[in-house]
Amino acid sequence: MSNYSATFIDYSMGQLILPKDFSDMIPKDHVARVVKSTLGEKKG
């Protein structure tokens, strides 16, 4: 058995702040938006 002990850091749910919509992180002129809009038009 080792003499090492685990050290835990306090965590709260407020530490991790993610956007509600990841598209907020993509620039308006990014190619991913063009692909999404093109594929979205072909679905219907």
C-alpha atoms as a PDB file:
ATOM      1  CA  MET A   1       0.000   0.000   0.000  1.00  0.00           C
ATOM      2  CA  SER A   2       1.340   3.439  -0.844  1.00  0.00           C
ATOM      3  CA  ASN A   3       1.607   6.457   1.410  1.00  0.00           C
ATOM      4  CA  TYR A   4      -0.030   8.744  -1.138  1.00  0.00           C
ATOM      5  CA  SER A   5      -3.454  10.162  -0.449  1.00  0.00           C
ATOM      6  CA  ALA A   6      -5.875  11.625  -2.942  1.00  0.00           C
ATOM      7  CA  THR A   7      -6.367  15.380  -2.922  1.00  0.00           C
ATOM      8  CA  PHE A   8      -9.723  16.638  -4.113  1.00  0.00           C
ATOM      9  CA  ILE A   9     -10.582  20.197  -5.086  1.00  0.00           C
ATOM     10  CA  ASP A  10     -13.993  21.609  -4.222  1.00  0.00           C
ATOM     11  CA  TYR A  11     -16.230  21.839  -7.270  1.00  0.00           C
ATOM     12  CA  SER A  12     -19.463  23.677  -7.845  1.00  0.00           C
ATOM     13  CA  MET A  13     -21.759  23.626 -10.874  1.00  0.00           C
ATOM     14  CA  GLY A  14     -21.146  27.350 -11.376  1.00  0.00           C
ATOM     15  CA  GLN A  15     -17.517  26.752 -12.373  1.00  0.00           C
ATOM     16  CA  LEU A  16     -18.257  25.402 -15.819  1.00  0.00           C
ATOM     17  CA  ILE A  17     -20.006  27.943 -17.995  1.00  0.00           C
ATOM     18  CA  LEU A  18     -20.910  26.720 -21.475  1.00  0.00           C
ATOM     19  CA  PRO A  19     -22.962  28.570 -24.048  1.00  0.00           C
ATOM     20  CA  LYS A  20     -26.531  27.375 -24.387  1.00  0.00           C
ATOM     21  CA  ASP A  21     -25.984  27.114 -28.131  1.00  0.00           C
ATOM     22  CA  PHE A  22     -22.563  26.172 -29.495  1.00  0.00           C
ATOM     23  CA  SER A  23     -23.310  28.021 -32.728  1.00  0.00           C
ATOM     24  CA  ASP A  24     -22.671  31.185 -30.695  1.00  0.00           C
ATOM     25  CA  MET A  25     -18.989  30.217 -30.739  1.00  0.00           C
ATOM     26  CA  ILE A  26     -18.802  29.890 -34.562  1.00  0.00           C
ATOM     27  CA  PRO A  27     -17.977  33.089 -36.456  1.00  0.00           C
ATOM     28  CA  LYS A  28     -20.748  34.406 -38.712  1.00  0.00           C
ATOM     29  CA  ASP A  29     -18.643  33.891 -41.871  1.00  0.00           C
ATOM     30  CA  HIS A  30     -17.358  30.376 -40.998  1.00  0.00           C
ATOM     31  CA  VAL A  31     -17.685  27.622 -43.619  1.00  0.00           C
ATOM     32  CA  ALA A  32     -19.601  25.455 -41.122  1.00  0.00           C
ATOM     33  CA  ARG A  33     -22.532  27.865 -41.355  1.00  0.00           C
ATOM     34  CA  VAL A  34     -22.572  27.572 -45.157  1.00  0.00           C
ATOM     35  CA  VAL A  35     -22.565  23.766 -44.957  1.00  0.00           C
ATOM     36  CA  LYS A  36     -25.326  23.764 -42.344  1.00  0.00           C
ATOM     37  CA  SER A  37     -27.553  26.083 -44.351  1.00  0.00           C
ATOM     38  CA  THR A  38     -26.950  24.103 -47.558  1.00  0.00           C
ATOM     39  CA  LEU A  39     -27.787  20.785 -45.919  1.00  0.00           C
ATOM     40  CA  GLY A  40     -30.770  22.315 -44.151  1.00  0.00           C
ATOM     41  CA  GLU A  41     -32.236  23.500 -47.459  1.00  0.00           C
ATOM     42  CA  LYS A  42     -31.905  20.023 -49.026  1.00  0.00           C
ATOM     43  CA  LYS A  43     -33.717  18.244 -46.159  1.00  0.00           C
ATOM     44  CA  GLY A  44     -37.100  19.716 -46.933  1.00  0.00           C
END
